[in-house]
Amino acid sequence: MYAITEGVAKINDRRVHTFRRDVSVGDAFLTVKAGTTGYKGEVSRAAGSRTYVCLDTFFGDIHFAPITDADGCMTGFEIAGCGDDTLNALIRAVKFIEKALDEQRLGYND
C-alpha cells in the first residue's frame, strides 16, 4: 500500500483540498497531487468548482511541454515518456488522479 498525504492548493483565492502520493516503479519516480472543491452547481468561472492536478517527476525519462495556440497562449500540455517503468508510473498516477477527483466530486471526503 502507499501513503497518501492531504494538503491544500489555492486556485483563484479558493482553497482546494488535495491528496498526494508518490509513485515509484523501477527507475521512474514521481509525485502526483489532485483535488477539487466538487460540484458547485454553477458553470461560471466565478462561482463554479475548482480542480487541481500536479505531476512532478524526480527520476525517469519523462518530458512535460506546454501546448500553445497561434497567439502563444497555453491551451494544454503534453507528457511524453520512455521505458516500461515510466509507462507504468504514469498509468498509476493517472488512476490516482481519477480516484481522488471522483471521490471528492461525489463528496466522500468532505
PDB file of N, CA and C in Angstrom:
ATOM      1  N   MET A   1       0.850  -1.187   0.000  1.00  0.00           N
ATOM      2  CA  MET A   1       0.000   0.000   0.000  1.00  0.00           C
ATOM      3  C   MET A   1       0.887   1.239   0.000  1.00  0.00           C
ATOM      4  N   TYR A   2       0.369   2.332  -0.422  1.00  0.00           N
ATOM      5  CA  TYR A   2       1.134   3.565  -0.482  1.00  0.00           C
ATOM      6  C   TYR A   2       0.515   4.604   0.444  1.00  0.00           C
ATOM      7  N   ALA A   3       1.340   5.554   0.867  1.00  0.00           N
ATOM      8  CA  ALA A   3       0.865   6.613   1.765  1.00  0.00           C
ATOM      9  C   ALA A   3       0.239   7.737   0.957  1.00  0.00           C
ATOM     10  N   ILE A   4      -0.835   8.288   1.488  1.00  0.00           N
ATOM     11  CA  ILE A   4      -1.498   9.449   0.889  1.00  0.00           C
ATOM     12  C   ILE A   4      -1.405  10.587   1.890  1.00  0.00           C
ATOM     13  N   THR A   5      -0.960  11.742   1.405  1.00  0.00           N
ATOM     14  CA  THR A   5      -0.834  12.930   2.231  1.00  0.00           C
ATOM     15  C   THR A   5      -1.883  13.943   1.800  1.00  0.00           C
ATOM     16  N   GLU A   6      -2.517  14.578   2.756  1.00  0.00           N
ATOM     17  CA  GLU A   6      -3.501  15.612   2.434  1.00  0.00           C
ATOM     18  C   GLU A   6      -2.834  16.978   2.435  1.00  0.00           C
ATOM     19  N   GLY A   7      -3.352  17.868   1.618  1.00  0.00           N
ATOM     20  CA  GLY A   7      -2.822  19.220   1.531  1.00  0.00           C
ATOM     21  C   GLY A   7      -3.864  20.182   1.014  1.00  0.00           C
ATOM     22  N   VAL A   8      -3.404  21.364   0.660  1.00  0.00           N
ATOM     23  CA  VAL A   8      -4.289  22.407   0.149  1.00  0.00           C
ATOM     24  C   VAL A   8      -3.586  23.124  -0.995  1.00  0.00           C
ATOM     25  N   ALA A   9      -4.332  23.426  -2.036  1.00  0.00           N
ATOM     26  CA  ALA A   9      -3.869  24.276  -3.125  1.00  0.00           C
ATOM     27  C   ALA A   9      -4.827  25.452  -3.208  1.00  0.00           C
ATOM     28  N   LYS A  10      -4.342  26.585  -3.695  1.00  0.00           N
ATOM     29  CA  LYS A  10      -5.209  27.755  -3.880  1.00  0.00           C
ATOM     30  C   LYS A  10      -5.378  28.025  -5.361  1.00  0.00           C
ATOM     31  N   ILE A  11      -6.628  28.112  -5.779  1.00  0.00           N
ATOM     32  CA  ILE A  11      -6.952  28.427  -7.163  1.00  0.00           C
ATOM     33  C   ILE A  11      -7.899  29.617  -7.152  1.00  0.00           C
ATOM     34  N   ASN A  12      -7.447  30.735  -7.684  1.00  0.00           N
ATOM     35  CA  ASN A  12      -8.252  31.960  -7.708  1.00  0.00           C
ATOM     36  C   ASN A  12      -8.826  32.268  -6.327  1.00  0.00           C
ATOM     37  N   ASP A  13      -7.958  32.252  -5.328  1.00  0.00           N
ATOM     38  CA  ASP A  13      -8.319  32.572  -3.940  1.00  0.00           C
ATOM     39  C   ASP A  13      -9.298  31.583  -3.314  1.00  0.00           C
ATOM     40  N   ARG A  14      -9.468  30.419  -3.909  1.00  0.00           N
ATOM     41  CA  ARG A  14     -10.298  29.368  -3.316  1.00  0.00           C
ATOM     42  C   ARG A  14      -9.391  28.224  -2.867  1.00  0.00           C
ATOM     43  N   ARG A  15      -9.653  27.720  -1.681  1.00  0.00           N
ATOM     44  CA  ARG A  15      -8.882  26.593  -1.153  1.00  0.00           C
ATOM     45  C   ARG A  15      -9.424  25.284  -1.730  1.00  0.00           C
ATOM     46  N   VAL A  16      -8.506  24.461  -2.201  1.00  0.00           N
ATOM     47  CA  VAL A  16      -8.853  23.154  -2.745  1.00  0.00           C
ATOM     48  C   VAL A  16      -8.133  22.099  -1.913  1.00  0.00           C
ATOM     49  N   HIS A  17      -8.879  21.198  -1.322  1.00  0.00           N
ATOM     50  CA  HIS A  17      -8.329  20.088  -0.547  1.00  0.00           C
ATOM     51  C   HIS A  17      -7.683  19.109  -1.530  1.00  0.00           C
ATOM     52  N   THR A  18      -6.413  18.752  -1.315  1.00  0.00           N
ATOM     53  CA  THR A  18      -5.703  17.880  -2.244  1.00  0.00           C
ATOM     54  C   THR A  18      -5.236  16.592  -1.569  1.00  0.00           C
ATOM     55  N   PHE A  19      -4.991  15.602  -2.393  1.00  0.00           N
ATOM     56  CA  PHE A  19      -4.395  14.348  -1.968  1.00  0.00           C
ATOM     57  C   PHE A  19      -3.122  14.142  -2.776  1.00  0.00           C
ATOM     58  N   ARG A  20      -2.075  13.643  -2.109  1.00  0.00           N
ATOM     59  CA  ARG A  20      -0.772  13.462  -2.741  1.00  0.00           C
ATOM     60  C   ARG A  20      -0.270  12.051  -2.470  1.00  0.00           C
ATOM     61  N   ARG A  21       0.380  11.489  -3.481  1.00  0.00           N
ATOM     62  CA  ARG A  21       1.075  10.223  -3.282  1.00  0.00           C
ATOM     63  C   ARG A  21       2.301  10.178  -4.163  1.00  0.00           C
ATOM     64  N   ASP A  22       3.274   9.406  -3.743  1.00  0.00           N
ATOM     65  CA  ASP A  22       4.461   9.168  -4.551  1.00  0.00           C
ATOM     66  C   ASP A  22       4.241   7.882  -5.332  1.00  0.00           C
ATOM     67  N   VAL A  23       4.666   7.897  -6.585  1.00  0.00           N
ATOM     68  CA  VAL A  23       4.573   6.729  -7.442  1.00  0.00           C
ATOM     69  C   VAL A  23       5.998   6.328  -7.810  1.00  0.00           C
ATOM     70  N   SER A  24       6.369   5.107  -7.462  1.00  0.00           N
ATOM     71  CA  SER A  24       7.711   4.605  -7.745  1.00  0.00           C
ATOM     72  C   SER A  24       7.593   3.263  -8.443  1.00  0.00           C
ATOM     73  N   VAL A  25       8.112   3.204  -9.662  1.00  0.00           N
ATOM     74  CA  VAL A  25       8.116   1.969 -10.434  1.00  0.00           C
ATOM     75  C   VAL A  25       9.500   1.838 -11.058  1.00  0.00           C
ATOM     76  N   GLY A  26      10.306   0.924 -10.554  1.00  0.00           N
ATOM     77  CA  GLY A  26      11.652   0.737 -11.101  1.00  0.00           C
ATOM     78  C   GLY A  26      12.434   2.038 -11.106  1.00  0.00           C
ATOM     79  N   ASP A  27      12.793   2.500 -12.291  1.00  0.00           N
ATOM     80  CA  ASP A  27      13.579   3.722 -12.439  1.00  0.00           C
ATOM     81  C   ASP A  27      12.732   4.990 -12.552  1.00  0.00           C
ATOM     82  N   ALA A  28      11.435   4.882 -12.443  1.00  0.00           N
ATOM     83  CA  ALA A  28      10.557   6.048 -12.546  1.00  0.00           C
ATOM     84  C   ALA A  28       9.989   6.393 -11.172  1.00  0.00           C
ATOM     85  N   PHE A  29      10.139   7.661 -10.796  1.00  0.00           N
ATOM     86  CA  PHE A  29       9.615   8.114  -9.509  1.00  0.00           C
ATOM     87  C   PHE A  29       8.991   9.479  -9.715  1.00  0.00           C
ATOM     88  N   LEU A  30       7.725   9.616  -9.372  1.00  0.00           N
ATOM     89  CA  LEU A  30       7.065  10.913  -9.482  1.00  0.00           C
ATOM     90  C   LEU A  30       6.095  11.103  -8.334  1.00  0.00           C
ATOM     91  N   THR A  31       5.735  12.352  -8.122  1.00  0.00           N
ATOM     92  CA  THR A  31       4.733  12.716  -7.128  1.00  0.00           C
ATOM     93  C   THR A  31       3.512  13.207  -7.875  1.00  0.00           C
ATOM     94  N   VAL A  32       2.350  12.774  -7.420  1.00  0.00           N
ATOM     95  CA  VAL A  32       1.101  13.188  -8.044  1.00  0.00           C
ATOM     96  C   VAL A  32       0.204  13.782  -6.967  1.00  0.00           C
ATOM     97  N   LYS A  33      -0.437  14.907  -7.290  1.00  0.00           N
ATOM     98  CA  LYS A  33      -1.394  15.561  -6.393  1.00  0.00           C
ATOM     99  C   LYS A  33      -2.649  15.864  -7.184  1.00  0.00           C
ATOM    100  N   ALA A  34      -3.798  15.738  -6.518  1.00  0.00           N
ATOM    101  CA  ALA A  34      -5.069  16.059  -7.174  1.00  0.00           C
ATOM    102  C   ALA A  34      -6.084  16.473  -6.126  1.00  0.00           C
ATOM    103  N   GLY A  35      -6.963  17.389  -6.512  1.00  0.00           N
ATOM    104  CA  GLY A  35      -8.028  17.803  -5.616  1.00  0.00           C
ATOM    105  C   GLY A  35      -9.052  18.651  -6.341  1.00  0.00           C
ATOM    106  N   THR A  36     -10.220  18.742  -5.755  1.00  0.00           N
ATOM    107  CA  THR A  36     -11.289  19.558  -6.308  1.00  0.00           C
ATOM    108  C   THR A  36     -12.216  20.024  -5.186  1.00  0.00           C
ATOM    109  N   THR A  37     -12.898  21.099  -5.444  1.00  0.00           N
ATOM    110  CA  THR A  37     -13.925  21.549  -4.497  1.00  0.00           C
ATOM    111  C   THR A  37     -15.218  20.764  -4.694  1.00  0.00           C
ATOM    112  N   GLY A  38     -15.279  19.965  -5.758  1.00  0.00           N
ATOM    113  CA  GLY A  38     -16.508  19.250  -6.078  1.00  0.00           C
ATOM    114  C   GLY A  38     -17.473  20.176  -6.792  1.00  0.00           C
ATOM    115  N   TYR A  39     -18.577  19.624  -7.168  1.00  0.00           N
ATOM    116  CA  TYR A  39     -19.575  20.407  -7.891  1.00  0.00           C
ATOM    117  C   TYR A  39     -20.091  21.556  -7.040  1.00  0.00           C
ATOM    118  N   LYS A  40     -20.311  22.697  -7.682  1.00  0.00           N
ATOM    119  CA  LYS A  40     -20.855  23.868  -7.007  1.00  0.00           C
ATOM    120  C   LYS A  40     -22.192  24.296  -7.605  1.00  0.00           C
ATOM    121  N   GLY A  41     -22.675  23.560  -8.595  1.00  0.00           N
ATOM    122  CA  GLY A  41     -23.966  23.883  -9.196  1.00  0.00           C
ATOM    123  C   GLY A  41     -23.912  25.084 -10.123  1.00  0.00           C
ATOM    124  N   GLU A  42     -22.719  25.489 -10.494  1.00  0.00           N
ATOM    125  CA  GLU A  42     -22.536  26.650 -11.377  1.00  0.00           C
ATOM    126  C   GLU A  42     -21.532  26.292 -12.459  1.00  0.00           C
ATOM    127  N   VAL A  43     -21.748  26.810 -13.639  1.00  0.00           N
ATOM    128  CA  VAL A  43     -20.782  26.577 -14.710  1.00  0.00           C
ATOM    129  C   VAL A  43     -19.847  27.765 -14.907  1.00  0.00           C
ATOM    130  N   SER A  44     -20.157  28.889 -14.290  1.00  0.00           N
ATOM    131  CA  SER A  44     -19.328  30.077 -14.476  1.00  0.00           C
ATOM    132  C   SER A  44     -18.007  29.944 -13.746  1.00  0.00           C
ATOM    133  N   ARG A  45     -17.012  30.632 -14.246  1.00  0.00           N
ATOM    134  CA  ARG A  45     -15.695  30.642 -13.609  1.00  0.00           C
ATOM    135  C   ARG A  45     -15.775  31.208 -12.195  1.00  0.00           C
ATOM    136  N   ALA A  46     -16.555  32.231 -12.014  1.00  0.00           N
ATOM    137  CA  ALA A  46     -16.630  32.907 -10.711  1.00  0.00           C
ATOM    138  C   ALA A  46     -17.225  32.020  -9.617  1.00  0.00           C
ATOM    139  N   ALA A  47     -18.272  31.273  -9.941  1.00  0.00           N
ATOM    140  CA  ALA A  47     -18.981  30.516  -8.911  1.00  0.00           C
ATOM    141  C   ALA A  47     -18.793  29.007  -9.004  1.00  0.00           C
ATOM    142  N   GLY A  48     -18.189  28.525 -10.074  1.00  0.00           N
ATOM    143  CA  GLY A  48     -18.062  27.090 -10.277  1.00  0.00           C
ATOM    144  C   GLY A  48     -16.971  26.435  -9.449  1.00  0.00           C
ATOM    145  N   SER A  49     -16.813  25.154  -9.655  1.00  0.00           N
ATOM    146  CA  SER A  49     -15.834  24.367  -8.898  1.00  0.00           C
ATOM    147  C   SER A  49     -14.405  24.722  -9.304  1.00  0.00           C
ATOM    148  N   ARG A  50     -13.472  24.261  -8.489  1.00  0.00           N
ATOM    149  CA  ARG A  50     -12.051  24.398  -8.777  1.00  0.00           C
ATOM    150  C   ARG A  50     -11.452  22.994  -8.781  1.00  0.00           C
ATOM    151  N   THR A  51     -10.487  22.766  -9.670  1.00  0.00           N
ATOM    152  CA  THR A  51      -9.836  21.464  -9.780  1.00  0.00           C
ATOM    153  C   THR A  51      -8.340  21.675  -9.939  1.00  0.00           C
ATOM    154  N   TYR A  52      -7.562  20.811  -9.274  1.00  0.00           N
ATOM    155  CA  TYR A  52      -6.101  20.929  -9.273  1.00  0.00           C
ATOM    156  C   TYR A  52      -5.485  19.565  -9.543  1.00  0.00           C
ATOM    157  N   VAL A  53      -4.497  19.531 -10.454  1.00  0.00           N
ATOM    158  CA  VAL A  53      -3.747  18.315 -10.757  1.00  0.00           C
ATOM    159  C   VAL A  53      -2.279  18.693 -10.907  1.00  0.00           C
ATOM    160  N   CYS A  54      -1.386  17.911 -10.295  1.00  0.00           N
ATOM    161  CA  CYS A  54       0.046  18.178 -10.374  1.00  0.00           C
ATOM    162  C   CYS A  54       0.804  16.868 -10.535  1.00  0.00           C
ATOM    163  N   LEU A  55       1.714  16.826 -11.489  1.00  0.00           N
ATOM    164  CA  LEU A  55       2.648  15.712 -11.653  1.00  0.00           C
ATOM    165  C   LEU A  55       4.051  16.296 -11.569  1.00  0.00           C
ATOM    166  N   ASP A  56       4.881  15.739 -10.710  1.00  0.00           N
ATOM    167  CA  ASP A  56       6.243  16.217 -10.538  1.00  0.00           C
ATOM    168  C   ASP A  56       7.165  15.011 -10.593  1.00  0.00           C
ATOM    169  N   THR A  57       8.088  14.991 -11.531  1.00  0.00           N
ATOM    170  CA  THR A  57       8.958  13.834 -11.689  1.00  0.00           C
ATOM    171  C   THR A  57      10.321  14.071 -11.045  1.00  0.00           C
ATOM    172  N   PHE A  58      10.836  13.032 -10.412  1.00  0.00           N
ATOM    173  CA  PHE A  58      12.151  13.095  -9.779  1.00  0.00           C
ATOM    174  C   PHE A  58      13.153  12.220 -10.521  1.00  0.00           C
ATOM    175  N   PHE A  59      12.709  11.054 -10.961  1.00  0.00           N
ATOM    176  CA  PHE A  59      13.537  10.144 -11.751  1.00  0.00           C
ATOM    177  C   PHE A  59      12.666   9.580 -12.853  1.00  0.00           C
ATOM    178  N   GLY A  60      13.301   9.224 -13.943  1.00  0.00           N
ATOM    179  CA  GLY A  60      12.574   8.640 -15.056  1.00  0.00           C
ATOM    180  C   GLY A  60      12.691   9.523 -16.278  1.00  0.00           C
ATOM    181  N   ASP A  61      12.440   8.926 -17.390  1.00  0.00           N
ATOM    182  CA  ASP A  61      12.553   9.630 -18.664  1.00  0.00           C
ATOM    183  C   ASP A  61      11.179  10.166 -19.045  1.00  0.00           C
ATOM    184  N   ILE A  62      10.819  11.302 -18.453  1.00  0.00           N
ATOM    185  CA  ILE A  62       9.514  11.919 -18.681  1.00  0.00           C
ATOM    186  C   ILE A  62       9.720  13.365 -19.102  1.00  0.00           C
ATOM    187  N   HIS A  63       9.021  13.771 -20.148  1.00  0.00           N
ATOM    188  CA  HIS A  63       9.110  15.132 -20.673  1.00  0.00           C
ATOM    189  C   HIS A  63       7.729  15.782 -20.612  1.00  0.00           C
ATOM    190  N   PHE A  64       7.677  16.996 -20.056  1.00  0.00           N
ATOM    191  CA  PHE A  64       6.444  17.783 -19.998  1.00  0.00           C
ATOM    192  C   PHE A  64       6.635  19.017 -20.871  1.00  0.00           C
ATOM    193  N   ALA A  65       5.629  19.376 -21.651  1.00  0.00           N
ATOM    194  CA  ALA A  65       5.737  20.565 -22.504  1.00  0.00           C
ATOM    195  C   ALA A  65       4.370  21.224 -22.643  1.00  0.00           C
ATOM    196  N   PRO A  66       4.357  22.554 -22.713  1.00  0.00           N
ATOM    197  CA  PRO A  66       3.086  23.252 -22.933  1.00  0.00           C
ATOM    198  C   PRO A  66       2.637  23.134 -24.382  1.00  0.00           C
ATOM    199  N   ILE A  67       1.348  23.225 -24.589  1.00  0.00           N
ATOM    200  CA  ILE A  67       0.764  23.338 -25.917  1.00  0.00           C
ATOM    201  C   ILE A  67       0.209  24.747 -26.007  1.00  0.00           C
ATOM    202  N   THR A  68       0.572  25.464 -27.053  1.00  0.00           N
ATOM    203  CA  THR A  68       0.146  26.857 -27.200  1.00  0.00           C
ATOM    204  C   THR A  68      -0.636  27.047 -28.496  1.00  0.00           C
ATOM    205  N   ASP A  69      -1.481  28.079 -28.489  1.00  0.00           N
ATOM    206  CA  ASP A  69      -2.227  28.410 -29.695  1.00  0.00           C
ATOM    207  C   ASP A  69      -1.419  29.385 -30.553  1.00  0.00           C
ATOM    208  N   ALA A  70      -2.008  29.861 -31.622  1.00  0.00           N
ATOM    209  CA  ALA A  70      -1.312  30.748 -32.549  1.00  0.00           C
ATOM    210  C   ALA A  70      -0.861  32.053 -31.891  1.00  0.00           C
ATOM    211  N   ASP A  71      -1.537  32.467 -30.808  1.00  0.00           N
ATOM    212  CA  ASP A  71      -1.173  33.694 -30.103  1.00  0.00           C
ATOM    213  C   ASP A  71      -0.147  33.455 -29.000  1.00  0.00           C
ATOM    214  N   GLY A  72       0.283  32.211 -28.842  1.00  0.00           N
ATOM    215  CA  GLY A  72       1.260  31.894 -27.809  1.00  0.00           C
ATOM    216  C   GLY A  72       0.660  31.633 -26.441  1.00  0.00           C
ATOM    217  N   CYS A  73      -0.676  31.592 -26.351  1.00  0.00           N
ATOM    218  CA  CYS A  73      -1.338  31.314 -25.072  1.00  0.00           C
ATOM    219  C   CYS A  73      -1.351  29.806 -24.834  1.00  0.00           C
ATOM    220  N   MET A  74      -1.030  29.419 -23.616  1.00  0.00           N
ATOM    221  CA  MET A  74      -1.029  27.995 -23.279  1.00  0.00           C
ATOM    222  C   MET A  74      -2.458  27.473 -23.246  1.00  0.00           C
ATOM    223  N   THR A  75      -2.700  26.410 -23.992  1.00  0.00           N
ATOM    224  CA  THR A  75      -4.034  25.815 -24.056  1.00  0.00           C
ATOM    225  C   THR A  75      -4.056  24.380 -23.547  1.00  0.00           C
ATOM    226  N   GLY A  76      -2.894  23.848 -23.221  1.00  0.00           N
ATOM    227  CA  GLY A  76      -2.810  22.477 -22.734  1.00  0.00           C
ATOM    228  C   GLY A  76      -1.372  22.103 -22.453  1.00  0.00           C
ATOM    229  N   PHE A  77      -1.145  20.819 -22.261  1.00  0.00           N
ATOM    230  CA  PHE A  77       0.208  20.326 -22.044  1.00  0.00           C
ATOM    231  C   PHE A  77       0.304  18.912 -22.582  1.00  0.00           C
ATOM    232  N   GLU A  78       1.527  18.493 -22.833  1.00  0.00           N
ATOM    233  CA  GLU A  78       1.747  17.127 -23.274  1.00  0.00           C
ATOM    234  C   GLU A  78       2.782  16.466 -22.380  1.00  0.00           C
ATOM    235  N   ILE A  79       2.645  15.162 -22.254  1.00  0.00           N
ATOM    236  CA  ILE A  79       3.572  14.363 -21.466  1.00  0.00           C
ATOM    237  C   ILE A  79       4.083  13.256 -22.371  1.00  0.00           C
ATOM    238  N   ALA A  80       5.390  13.108 -22.418  1.00  0.00           N
ATOM    239  CA  ALA A  80       5.994  12.024 -23.182  1.00  0.00           C
ATOM    240  C   ALA A  80       6.958  11.280 -22.277  1.00  0.00           C
ATOM    241  N   GLY A  81       6.970   9.960 -22.384  1.00  0.00           N
ATOM    242  CA  GLY A  81       7.861   9.171 -21.540  1.00  0.00           C
ATOM    243  C   GLY A  81       8.449   8.009 -22.305  1.00  0.00           C
ATOM    244  N   CYS A  82       9.591   7.541 -21.825  1.00  0.00           N
ATOM    245  CA  CYS A  82      10.255   6.393 -22.431  1.00  0.00           C
ATOM    246  C   CYS A  82      10.468   5.320 -21.374  1.00  0.00           C
ATOM    247  N   GLY A  83      10.270   4.088 -21.751  1.00  0.00           N
ATOM    248  CA  GLY A  83      10.530   2.964 -20.873  1.00  0.00           C
ATOM    249  C   GLY A  83       9.269   2.407 -20.239  1.00  0.00           C
ATOM    250  N   ASP A  84       9.327   1.120 -19.939  1.00  0.00           N
ATOM    251  CA  ASP A  84       8.191   0.434 -19.330  1.00  0.00           C
ATOM    252  C   ASP A  84       7.891   0.963 -17.934  1.00  0.00           C
ATOM    253  N   ASP A  85       8.940   1.289 -17.157  1.00  0.00           N
ATOM    254  CA  ASP A  85       8.723   1.823 -15.808  1.00  0.00           C
ATOM    255  C   ASP A  85       7.968   3.142 -15.868  1.00  0.00           C
ATOM    256  N   THR A  86       8.329   3.991 -16.831  1.00  0.00           N
ATOM    257  CA  THR A  86       7.636   5.271 -16.978  1.00  0.00           C
ATOM    258  C   THR A  86       6.188   5.056 -17.375  1.00  0.00           C
ATOM    259  N   LEU A  87       5.945   4.148 -18.282  1.00  0.00           N
ATOM    260  CA  LEU A  87       4.569   3.833 -18.682  1.00  0.00           C
ATOM    261  C   LEU A  87       3.745   3.414 -17.468  1.00  0.00           C
ATOM    262  N   ASN A  88       4.266   2.491 -16.683  1.00  0.00           N
ATOM    263  CA  ASN A  88       3.532   2.011 -15.517  1.00  0.00           C
ATOM    264  C   ASN A  88       3.355   3.092 -14.453  1.00  0.00           C
ATOM    265  N   ALA A  89       4.360   3.926 -14.254  1.00  0.00           N
ATOM    266  CA  ALA A  89       4.247   5.017 -13.276  1.00  0.00           C
ATOM    267  C   ALA A  89       3.188   6.019 -13.709  1.00  0.00           C
ATOM    268  N   LEU A  90       3.155   6.360 -14.995  1.00  0.00           N
ATOM    269  CA  LEU A  90       2.148   7.297 -15.485  1.00  0.00           C
ATOM    270  C   LEU A  90       0.743   6.710 -15.379  1.00  0.00           C
ATOM    271  N   ILE A  91       0.591   5.433 -15.654  1.00  0.00           N
ATOM    272  CA  ILE A  91      -0.721   4.784 -15.501  1.00  0.00           C
ATOM    273  C   ILE A  91      -1.180   4.871 -14.053  1.00  0.00           C
ATOM    274  N   ARG A  92      -0.303   4.563 -13.108  1.00  0.00           N
ATOM    275  CA  ARG A  92      -0.665   4.643 -11.693  1.00  0.00           C
ATOM    276  C   ARG A  92      -1.010   6.070 -11.287  1.00  0.00           C
ATOM    277  N   ALA A  93      -0.255   7.031 -11.799  1.00  0.00           N
ATOM    278  CA  ALA A  93      -0.518   8.437 -11.460  1.00  0.00           C
ATOM    279  C   ALA A  93      -1.883   8.879 -11.982  1.00  0.00           C
ATOM    280  N   VAL A  94      -2.195   8.542 -13.218  1.00  0.00           N
ATOM    281  CA  VAL A  94      -3.483   8.935 -13.810  1.00  0.00           C
ATOM    282  C   VAL A  94      -4.640   8.255 -13.079  1.00  0.00           C
ATOM    283  N   LYS A  95      -4.470   7.010 -12.690  1.00  0.00           N
ATOM    284  CA  LYS A  95      -5.513   6.319 -11.924  1.00  0.00           C
ATOM    285  C   LYS A  95      -5.729   6.984 -10.566  1.00  0.00           C
ATOM    286  N   PHE A  96      -4.643   7.421  -9.934  1.00  0.00           N
ATOM    287  CA  PHE A  96      -4.769   8.108  -8.655  1.00  0.00           C
ATOM    288  C   PHE A  96      -5.503   9.440  -8.825  1.00  0.00           C
ATOM    289  N   ILE A  97      -5.166  10.189  -9.874  1.00  0.00           N
ATOM    290  CA  ILE A  97      -5.851  11.457 -10.151  1.00  0.00           C
ATOM    291  C   ILE A  97      -7.351  11.210 -10.317  1.00  0.00           C
ATOM    292  N   GLU A  98      -7.695  10.212 -11.104  1.00  0.00           N
ATOM    293  CA  GLU A  98      -9.115   9.910 -11.336  1.00  0.00           C
ATOM    294  C   GLU A  98      -9.822   9.556 -10.036  1.00  0.00           C
ATOM    295  N   LYS A  99      -9.195   8.742  -9.214  1.00  0.00           N
ATOM    296  CA  LYS A  99      -9.823   8.316  -7.959  1.00  0.00           C
ATOM    297  C   LYS A  99      -9.992   9.493  -6.997  1.00  0.00           C
ATOM    298  N   ALA A 100      -8.953  10.313  -6.859  1.00  0.00           N
ATOM    299  CA  ALA A 100      -9.028  11.453  -5.941  1.00  0.00           C
ATOM    300  C   ALA A 100     -10.113  12.437  -6.370  1.00  0.00           C
ATOM    301  N   LEU A 101     -10.145  12.781  -7.652  1.00  0.00           N
ATOM    302  CA  LEU A 101     -11.151  13.736  -8.131  1.00  0.00           C
ATOM    303  C   LEU A 101     -12.553  13.152  -8.060  1.00  0.00           C
ATOM    304  N   ASP A 102     -12.696  11.894  -8.410  1.00  0.00           N
ATOM    305  CA  ASP A 102     -14.019  11.268  -8.399  1.00  0.00           C
ATOM    306  C   ASP A 102     -14.578  11.188  -6.980  1.00  0.00           C
ATOM    307  N   GLU A 103     -13.752  10.803  -6.024  1.00  0.00           N
ATOM    308  CA  GLU A 103     -14.245  10.706  -4.649  1.00  0.00           C
ATOM    309  C   GLU A 103     -14.609  12.084  -4.092  1.00  0.00           C
ATOM    310  N   GLN A 104     -13.826  13.098  -4.403  1.00  0.00           N
ATOM    311  CA  GLN A 104     -14.184  14.440  -3.927  1.00  0.00           C
ATOM    312  C   GLN A 104     -15.410  14.971  -4.661  1.00  0.00           C
ATOM    313  N   ARG A 105     -15.516  14.669  -5.938  1.00  0.00           N
ATOM    314  CA  ARG A 105     -16.685  15.101  -6.712  1.00  0.00           C
ATOM    315  C   ARG A 105     -17.951  14.531  -6.102  1.00  0.00           C
ATOM    316  N   LEU A 106     -17.881  13.310  -5.624  1.00  0.00           N
ATOM    317  CA  LEU A 106     -19.037  12.632  -5.044  1.00  0.00           C
ATOM    318  C   LEU A 106     -19.230  12.957  -3.563  1.00  0.00           C
ATOM    319  N   GLY A 107     -18.283  13.714  -2.986  1.00  0.00           N
ATOM    320  CA  GLY A 107     -18.445  14.153  -1.605  1.00  0.00           C
ATOM    321  C   GLY A 107     -18.002  13.156  -0.565  1.00  0.00           C
ATOM    322  N   TYR A 108     -17.170  12.179  -0.930  1.00  0.00           N
ATOM    323  CA  TYR A 108     -16.715  11.186   0.032  1.00  0.00           C
ATOM    324  C   TYR A 108     -15.729  11.751   1.043  1.00  0.00           C
ATOM    325  N   ASN A 109     -15.087  12.855   0.711  1.00  0.00           N
ATOM    326  CA  ASN A 109     -14.013  13.380   1.558  1.00  0.00           C
ATOM    327  C   ASN A 109     -14.298  14.816   1.997  1.00  0.00           C
ATOM    328  N   ASP A 110     -15.508  15.085   2.412  1.00  0.00           N
ATOM    329  CA  ASP A 110     -15.870  16.437   2.857  1.00  0.00           C
ATOM    330  C   ASP A 110     -15.144  16.809   4.121  1.00  0.00           C
TER     331      ASP A 110
END
